[in-house]
C-alpha cells in the first residue's frame, strides 16, 4: 500500500526565455509528486501548471494549495477504501467531487500509474498501450522581435535534426515570420500556435495562412469560442489543432461534433491524467482526428511521461518534447533526455521513472517540500 506522499515545489531557470501571446516565460515552476509504499517502491509525476493562470485557470500557487488541502486527503481516503488493491484506472474516483483543477488531479493520478508500473514491473508505455519505441521531435519558437534571429534559431534546429518547427504567432506578428521560414525551407513541416490570441474578425487574415501549407494552426481563437472555431475550420484547408480548449474527453466530443478542429494536442497534465488521456484519444480516433503530444516546458519527470504518451496510437505528428538541454542547463534527471539520432528520441521502456530521478537535483531546485504519511489523513 502507498504510505507517503511528498510534494516538491521547484523553480528551474530556462536557458532562453520563451515569449508567447501570454507574455514571457523565464523559469519553469513545477510541482513534483513522489509516492512511496512500505517496500520503498516509488511513483513520480509532475503537475504542469504554469506560474501564471494564463494557460488555464490553474497555476503553481493554486495547485500547491489544492494538492495539500484537498486532493491528497481525498487520495488518502480513497487508498483506505481500496483494500490493498490499488488500480490506477479507478484512482480518478477519489476526485469525483472536485470541480476542475485537472492539472493538480493529474499529478496524483499519474504518480499512481507510475508507482503501479514500478510495483508490477511493467513498462509504463506498455501498460498504457504504447507501441512505438521512438518518436520524432519538433522545435517550438516564441514570438521573435527579429526575423533574422528567428531564421538563425530555425537554422540551428534544422541542423540538429528537428522534424518540425512550430512558430508562436499573435495579431500583427504572424505572416512575416511564417513566410520567412517557408521561403527558406519550402519542404519543412511548419505549424503555428496562436494561444487563443485572435478574434472572429481576424478570420480573413487567418485564411491567408492557408497559402503557407501549415501542418496545423493551433488555438487560433479563445478557448470557449466553439461555434466560431467551427466556422473558421470550415473556411480553412489548414487543420485547426486544439490545445487548452480541450480539458476533457467531453469537450473534445463537442469539438468533433461541431467540426471545430481536426487535430488534438495531447497533454496528460492538462486533461487530468493518463486515464483521461486514453478516453480523449478514443474520442479523437472515433472522430477521425489526428493527435500529437505538446509540451509545457516540463522538467525531466513530466518530459518522460510525455514521451511515453507520444508512443500511443493516433500520435501522427512530432512531439514538442525535445532534449532536456534545449530548455535547461540542469534538469532533475540523472541523465538528460537526448536524441538517439537527429530529431528522434527513444521512448523510455521503464517500469516507472523513479530510477531516472536525481533526488539531489530535485532538492536543490526545491523552494518548498511537503511530506505526509497518508495513513494519518
Protein backbone atom coordinates (compact mmCIF):
# COMPACT_ATOMS: atom_id res chain seq x y z
CA UNK A 1 0.00 0.00 0.00
CA UNK A 2 1.21 3.54 -0.77
CA UNK A 3 2.10 5.16 2.55
CA UNK A 4 3.70 8.57 1.96
CA UNK A 5 3.29 11.48 -0.40
CA UNK A 6 5.92 14.18 -0.88
CA UNK A 7 5.42 17.35 -2.90
CA UNK A 8 8.40 19.29 -4.21
CA UNK A 9 7.85 22.81 -5.45
CA UNK A 10 10.61 23.64 -7.93
CA UNK A 11 11.96 26.63 -9.79
CA UNK A 12 14.28 25.91 -12.74
CA UNK A 13 15.66 28.73 -14.90
CA UNK A 14 15.13 28.24 -18.63
CA UNK A 15 18.18 28.53 -20.86
CA UNK A 16 16.31 31.03 -23.05
CA UNK A 17 13.13 32.99 -22.25
CA UNK A 18 10.10 31.97 -24.30
CA UNK A 19 7.73 34.70 -25.47
CA UNK A 20 4.14 33.73 -26.32
CA UNK A 21 0.93 35.69 -26.79
CA UNK A 22 0.54 35.47 -23.00
CA UNK A 23 3.94 37.00 -22.17
CA UNK A 24 7.49 35.89 -21.31
CA UNK A 25 8.37 32.62 -19.57
CA UNK A 26 11.83 32.83 -17.95
CA UNK A 27 11.74 30.00 -15.45
CA UNK A 28 9.90 26.75 -15.04
CA UNK A 29 7.93 26.48 -11.84
CA UNK A 30 6.75 22.95 -11.22
CA UNK A 31 5.41 20.62 -8.57
CA UNK A 32 6.70 17.07 -8.43
CA UNK A 33 4.72 14.35 -6.65
CA UNK A 34 6.53 11.40 -5.08
CA UNK A 35 4.55 8.44 -3.73
CA UNK A 36 6.22 5.68 -1.75
CA UNK A 37 4.94 2.38 -0.41
CA UNK A 38 6.05 0.23 2.53
CA UNK A 39 8.63 -1.55 0.36
CA UNK A 40 10.21 1.70 -0.81
CA UNK A 41 8.74 1.48 -4.32
CA UNK A 42 8.07 4.95 -5.69
CA UNK A 43 5.85 6.68 -8.20
CA UNK A 44 6.67 10.11 -9.60
CA UNK A 45 4.74 12.65 -11.64
CA UNK A 46 4.68 16.37 -12.39
CA UNK A 47 1.99 19.00 -12.06
CA UNK A 48 2.47 21.05 -15.21
CA UNK A 49 0.55 24.16 -14.13
CA UNK A 50 2.39 27.34 -15.11
CA UNK A 51 3.44 30.17 -12.81
CA UNK A 52 0.58 32.41 -14.01
CA UNK A 53 -3.07 31.43 -14.68
CA UNK A 54 -2.80 32.43 -18.34
CA UNK A 55 -2.87 28.99 -19.98
CA UNK A 56 -5.70 27.61 -17.86
CA UNK A 57 -7.19 28.83 -14.60
CA UNK A 58 -4.63 26.80 -12.64
CA UNK A 59 -1.17 27.96 -11.64
CA UNK A 60 1.53 26.58 -9.35
CA UNK A 61 0.28 28.64 -6.38
CA UNK A 62 -3.25 27.25 -6.61
CA UNK A 63 -2.08 23.71 -7.39
CA UNK A 64 0.14 23.64 -4.31
CA UNK A 65 -2.77 24.61 -2.05
CA UNK A 66 -5.30 22.33 -3.75
CA UNK A 67 -3.00 19.33 -3.55
CA UNK A 68 -2.15 19.77 0.14
CA UNK A 69 -5.56 20.73 1.47
CA UNK A 70 -7.94 18.87 -0.81
CA UNK A 71 -6.56 16.30 -3.24
CA UNK A 72 -4.01 14.47 -1.11
CA UNK A 73 -6.52 13.99 1.76
CA UNK A 74 -9.08 12.64 -0.73
CA UNK A 75 -6.43 10.35 -2.17
CA UNK A 76 -5.59 9.06 1.32
CA UNK A 77 -9.25 8.24 1.98
CA UNK A 78 -9.51 6.51 -1.39
CA UNK A 79 -6.46 4.39 -0.55
CA UNK A 80 -8.01 3.23 2.70
CA UNK A 81 -11.07 2.04 0.79
CA UNK A 82 -9.17 0.01 -1.82
CA UNK A 83 -8.39 -2.96 0.49
CA UNK A 84 -4.79 -3.16 -0.82
CA UNK A 85 -5.99 -3.39 -4.45
CA UNK A 86 -4.76 -0.11 -5.95
CA UNK A 87 -5.88 0.18 -9.56
CA UNK A 88 -4.65 3.27 -11.44
CA UNK A 89 -7.62 3.06 -13.80
CA UNK A 90 -10.00 3.88 -10.93
CA UNK A 91 -7.99 6.46 -8.97
CA UNK A 92 -9.96 9.25 -10.68
CA UNK A 93 -12.91 8.28 -8.47
CA UNK A 94 -11.04 9.74 -5.50
CA UNK A 95 -11.58 13.21 -7.01
CA UNK A 96 -15.08 12.89 -8.48
CA UNK A 97 -16.46 15.66 -6.27
CA UNK A 98 -13.66 18.09 -7.24
CA UNK A 99 -14.51 20.61 -9.96
CA UNK A 100 -11.75 21.45 -12.43
CA UNK A 101 -8.16 21.54 -11.13
CA UNK A 102 -7.26 18.89 -13.70
CA UNK A 103 -3.53 19.56 -13.65
CA UNK A 104 -3.42 19.05 -9.90
CA UNK A 105 -5.53 15.89 -10.17
CA UNK A 106 -3.31 14.62 -12.99
CA UNK A 107 -0.18 14.90 -10.86
CA UNK A 108 -1.55 12.44 -8.30
CA UNK A 109 -3.25 10.19 -10.85
CA UNK A 110 -0.12 9.88 -13.00
CA UNK A 111 2.05 9.23 -9.93
CA UNK A 112 -0.21 6.27 -9.14
CA UNK A 113 0.20 4.91 -12.67
CA UNK A 114 3.96 5.38 -12.35
CA UNK A 115 4.02 3.61 -8.98
CA UNK A 116 1.83 0.79 -10.29
CA UNK A 117 4.20 0.22 -13.22
CA UNK A 118 7.13 0.01 -10.80
CA UNK A 119 5.22 -2.21 -8.41
CA UNK A 120 4.21 -4.69 -11.11
CA UNK A 121 7.41 -4.48 -13.14
CA UNK A 122 5.58 -3.47 -16.32
CA UNK A 123 6.89 -0.76 -18.65
CA UNK A 124 4.57 2.21 -18.25
CA UNK A 125 4.41 2.60 -22.04
CA UNK A 126 3.10 -0.97 -22.41
CA UNK A 127 0.69 -0.51 -19.52
CA UNK A 128 -0.87 2.46 -21.31
CA UNK A 129 -0.97 0.72 -24.68
CA UNK A 130 2.02 2.40 -26.33
CA UNK A 131 3.64 0.67 -29.27
CA UNK A 132 6.47 2.58 -30.90
CA UNK A 133 9.89 2.75 -29.28
CA UNK A 134 11.00 6.02 -30.91
CA UNK A 135 9.25 9.32 -31.58
CA UNK A 136 10.07 12.26 -33.81
CA UNK A 137 10.59 15.67 -32.21
CA UNK A 138 9.74 19.19 -33.31
CA UNK A 139 11.02 22.53 -32.05
CA UNK A 140 8.88 25.47 -30.87
CA UNK A 141 9.90 29.12 -31.21
CA UNK A 142 8.42 32.05 -29.34
CA UNK A 143 7.47 35.42 -30.76
CA UNK A 144 10.62 36.96 -32.15
CA UNK A 145 11.49 40.64 -32.38
CA UNK A 146 13.80 39.93 -35.31
CA UNK A 147 13.23 37.77 -38.37
CA UNK A 148 16.97 37.33 -38.71
CA UNK A 149 17.17 35.97 -35.15
CA UNK A 150 14.23 33.66 -35.83
CA UNK A 151 15.81 32.29 -39.00
CA UNK A 152 19.08 31.69 -37.17
CA UNK A 153 17.21 29.74 -34.49
CA UNK A 154 15.31 27.70 -37.08
CA UNK A 155 18.55 27.03 -38.97
CA UNK A 156 20.06 25.66 -35.79
CA UNK A 157 17.05 23.44 -35.12
CA UNK A 158 17.09 22.06 -38.67
CA UNK A 159 20.81 21.35 -38.39
CA UNK A 160 20.13 19.42 -35.17
CA UNK A 161 17.56 17.32 -36.97
CA UNK A 162 14.25 18.59 -35.58
CA UNK A 163 11.48 17.25 -37.80
CA UNK A 164 9.04 20.17 -37.49
CA UNK A 165 9.09 23.78 -36.32
CA UNK A 166 6.18 25.46 -34.57
CA UNK A 167 6.05 29.25 -34.53
CA UNK A 168 4.19 31.22 -31.88
CA UNK A 169 2.11 33.92 -33.54
CA UNK A 170 -0.10 36.82 -32.47
CA UNK A 171 -2.06 39.54 -34.28
CA UNK A 172 0.36 41.63 -36.32
CA UNK A 173 3.15 39.12 -35.79
CA UNK A 174 2.10 36.21 -37.94
CA UNK A 175 2.52 36.25 -41.73
CA UNK A 176 6.04 37.69 -41.78
CA UNK A 177 7.71 35.02 -39.61
CA UNK A 178 5.80 32.17 -41.25
CA UNK A 179 6.62 33.46 -44.72
CA UNK A 180 10.30 33.91 -43.86
CA UNK A 181 10.64 30.34 -42.61
CA UNK A 182 8.61 28.89 -45.50
CA UNK A 183 10.70 30.71 -48.11
CA UNK A 184 13.88 29.39 -46.55
CA UNK A 185 12.54 25.86 -46.06
CA UNK A 186 9.94 25.03 -48.75
CA UNK A 187 9.57 21.39 -47.63
CA UNK A 188 9.86 21.74 -43.86
CA UNK A 189 6.87 20.83 -41.68
CA UNK A 190 5.74 24.12 -40.12
CA UNK A 191 2.94 24.74 -37.64
CA UNK A 192 1.68 27.93 -35.98
CA UNK A 193 0.37 28.41 -32.44
CA UNK A 194 -1.70 31.49 -31.61
CA UNK A 195 -2.53 30.65 -27.98
CA UNK A 196 -6.08 31.91 -28.50
CA UNK A 197 -4.99 35.44 -29.38
CA UNK A 198 -7.21 36.11 -32.42
CA UNK A 199 -10.83 37.25 -32.67
CA UNK A 200 -13.55 36.13 -35.12
CA UNK A 201 -12.98 39.36 -37.03
CA UNK A 202 -9.44 38.18 -37.84
CA UNK A 203 -10.71 35.29 -39.97
CA UNK A 204 -9.66 36.85 -43.34
CA UNK A 205 -6.08 37.14 -42.11
CA UNK A 206 -6.08 33.57 -40.77
CA UNK A 207 -7.43 32.32 -44.09
CA UNK A 208 -4.37 33.80 -45.78
CA UNK A 209 -2.18 31.45 -43.76
CA UNK A 210 -3.52 28.59 -45.90
CA UNK A 211 -1.02 29.60 -48.59
CA UNK A 212 1.92 28.54 -46.38
CA UNK A 213 0.81 24.89 -46.19
CA UNK A 214 0.99 24.66 -42.42
CA UNK A 215 0.81 21.28 -40.73
CA UNK A 216 -1.80 22.80 -38.42
CA UNK A 217 -2.93 26.08 -36.84
CA UNK A 218 -3.13 25.71 -33.08
CA UNK A 219 -5.63 27.53 -30.85
CA UNK A 220 -6.41 30.45 -33.16
CA UNK A 221 -9.43 31.72 -31.16
CA UNK A 222 -10.33 31.88 -27.48
CA UNK A 223 -10.84 28.55 -25.78
CA UNK A 224 -14.64 28.64 -25.46
CA UNK A 225 -15.37 30.05 -28.94
CA UNK A 226 -16.68 26.72 -30.27
CA UNK A 227 -19.04 27.98 -32.98
CA UNK A 228 -16.57 30.48 -34.41
CA UNK A 229 -13.88 27.77 -34.36
CA UNK A 230 -16.20 25.50 -36.35
CA UNK A 231 -16.88 28.28 -38.86
CA UNK A 232 -13.17 29.01 -39.13
CA UNK A 233 -12.25 25.36 -39.69
CA UNK A 234 -14.88 25.09 -42.41
CA UNK A 235 -13.20 28.01 -44.19
CA UNK A 236 -9.63 26.69 -43.96
CA UNK A 237 -7.64 23.97 -45.69
CA UNK A 238 -5.22 24.07 -42.76
CA UNK A 239 -6.31 21.78 -39.91
CA UNK A 240 -7.10 23.55 -36.65
CA UNK A 241 -5.42 21.98 -33.63
CA UNK A 242 -6.96 22.33 -30.17
CA UNK A 243 -4.86 22.51 -27.03
CA UNK A 244 -6.10 24.45 -23.99
CA UNK A 245 -9.65 24.45 -25.38
CA UNK A 246 -9.91 20.73 -24.65
CA UNK A 247 -9.74 19.82 -20.97
CA UNK A 248 -11.78 16.62 -21.11
CA UNK A 249 -12.99 13.91 -23.47
CA UNK A 250 -16.44 15.51 -23.27
CA UNK A 251 -15.17 18.85 -24.58
CA UNK A 252 -13.33 17.03 -27.35
CA UNK A 253 -16.56 15.28 -28.32
CA UNK A 254 -18.24 18.69 -28.55
CA UNK A 255 -15.43 19.99 -30.76
CA UNK A 256 -15.59 16.97 -33.06
CA UNK A 257 -19.39 17.15 -33.43
CA UNK A 258 -19.17 20.82 -34.37
CA UNK A 259 -16.27 20.24 -36.73
CA UNK A 260 -14.20 22.77 -34.79
CA UNK A 261 -10.85 21.00 -35.28
CA UNK A 262 -9.06 18.10 -36.95
CA UNK A 263 -6.05 17.75 -34.64
CA UNK A 264 -5.67 17.32 -30.87
CA UNK A 265 -2.66 18.45 -28.85
CA UNK A 266 -2.48 15.82 -26.10
CA UNK A 267 -1.07 16.84 -22.72
CA UNK A 268 -1.89 14.33 -19.97
CA UNK A 269 -1.35 17.00 -17.34
CA UNK A 270 -3.98 19.26 -18.92
CA UNK A 271 -6.54 16.52 -19.47
CA UNK A 272 -6.46 15.16 -15.91
CA UNK A 273 -4.02 12.28 -16.18
CA UNK A 274 -3.31 9.15 -18.17
CA UNK A 275 -6.81 7.73 -17.80
CA UNK A 276 -8.43 10.89 -19.13
CA UNK A 277 -5.89 10.96 -21.96
CA UNK A 278 -6.84 7.45 -23.06
CA UNK A 279 -10.51 8.46 -23.06
CA UNK A 280 -9.77 11.56 -25.15
CA UNK A 281 -7.78 9.53 -27.66
CA UNK A 282 -10.71 7.13 -28.03
CA UNK A 283 -12.94 10.09 -28.88
CA UNK A 284 -10.35 11.54 -31.28
CA UNK A 285 -9.94 8.21 -33.03
CA UNK A 286 -13.69 7.78 -33.46
CA UNK A 287 -13.89 11.30 -34.91
CA UNK A 288 -11.08 10.68 -37.41
CA UNK A 289 -8.80 13.24 -35.76
CA UNK A 290 -5.02 13.12 -35.55
CA UNK A 291 -3.10 13.75 -32.34
CA UNK A 292 0.33 14.62 -31.02
CA UNK A 293 1.93 15.41 -27.66
CA UNK A 294 2.71 19.02 -26.83
CA UNK A 295 4.97 20.40 -24.14
CA UNK A 296 4.66 22.60 -21.06
CA UNK A 297 8.38 23.27 -20.52
CA UNK A 298 8.29 20.20 -18.26
CA UNK A 299 11.12 19.05 -16.08
CA UNK A 300 12.50 15.64 -16.95
CA UNK A 301 9.81 13.85 -14.93
CA UNK A 302 6.96 15.32 -16.97
CA UNK A 303 9.02 15.01 -20.15
CA UNK A 304 9.47 11.25 -19.65
CA UNK A 305 5.74 10.78 -19.14
CA UNK A 306 5.03 12.89 -22.22
CA UNK A 307 7.37 10.80 -24.37
CA UNK A 308 5.66 7.65 -23.13
CA UNK A 309 2.32 9.19 -24.12
CA UNK A 310 3.76 10.02 -27.55
CA UNK A 311 4.23 6.28 -28.17
CA UNK A 312 0.46 5.69 -28.13
CA UNK A 313 -1.50 5.00 -31.34
CA UNK A 314 -3.01 8.03 -33.14
CA UNK A 315 0.08 10.17 -32.49
CA UNK A 316 0.82 11.23 -36.07
CA UNK A 317 2.87 14.40 -35.62
CA UNK A 318 6.22 15.11 -33.98
CA UNK A 319 6.14 15.82 -30.25
CA UNK A 320 7.30 19.12 -28.73
CA UNK A 321 9.21 17.21 -26.04
CA UNK A 322 12.79 17.72 -27.14
CA UNK A 323 16.08 17.02 -25.39
CA UNK A 324 16.46 18.36 -21.84
CA UNK A 325 19.39 20.61 -22.74
CA UNK A 326 17.21 22.58 -25.15
CA UNK A 327 15.41 24.04 -22.14
CA UNK A 328 17.55 23.65 -19.01
CA UNK A 329 21.21 23.91 -18.11
CA UNK A 330 20.46 21.29 -15.46
CA UNK A 331 17.39 19.06 -15.31
CA UNK A 332 16.18 16.86 -12.45
CA UNK A 333 17.19 13.57 -14.08
CA UNK A 334 20.40 11.62 -13.56
CA UNK A 335 20.99 11.64 -17.31
CA UNK A 336 19.47 14.20 -19.67
CA UNK A 337 16.96 13.18 -22.30
CA UNK A 338 18.80 13.26 -25.62
CA UNK A 339 18.41 12.37 -29.30
CA UNK A 340 19.29 8.80 -30.27
CA UNK A 341 19.51 10.07 -33.84
CA UNK A 342 18.88 13.56 -35.22
CA UNK A 343 15.31 14.57 -34.42
CA UNK A 344 14.40 11.28 -32.72
CA UNK A 345 14.12 10.35 -29.04
CA UNK A 346 13.90 6.85 -27.57
CA UNK A 347 10.67 6.15 -25.69
CA UNK A 348 11.62 5.11 -22.14
CA UNK A 349 10.78 1.44 -21.64
CA UNK A 350 10.90 1.78 -17.88
CA UNK A 351 8.62 0.46 -15.16
CA UNK A 352 8.11 3.90 -13.67
CA UNK A 353 10.58 6.78 -13.81
CA UNK A 354 11.93 6.67 -10.23
CA UNK A 355 15.33 5.32 -11.30
CA UNK A 356 15.77 8.32 -13.63
CA UNK A 357 15.20 10.96 -10.94
CA UNK A 358 18.17 12.79 -9.43
CA UNK A 359 16.90 13.43 -5.91
CA UNK A 360 19.78 15.77 -5.07
CA UNK A 361 18.84 17.96 -8.03
CA UNK A 362 15.18 17.87 -7.04
CA UNK A 363 16.04 19.11 -3.55
CA UNK A 364 18.48 21.70 -4.90
CA UNK A 365 15.80 23.29 -7.09
CA UNK A 366 13.07 22.99 -4.47
CA UNK A 367 11.67 26.15 -2.93
CA UNK A 368 9.30 24.13 -0.68
CA UNK A 369 8.94 20.47 0.31
CA UNK A 370 5.89 18.92 1.98
CA UNK A 371 5.66 15.30 3.14
CA UNK A 372 2.73 13.50 4.75
CA UNK A 373 2.04 9.98 5.99
CA UNK A 374 -1.16 9.14 4.12
CA UNK A 375 -2.26 6.79 6.90
CA UNK A 376 -2.71 9.80 9.19
CA UNK A 377 -5.11 11.73 6.91
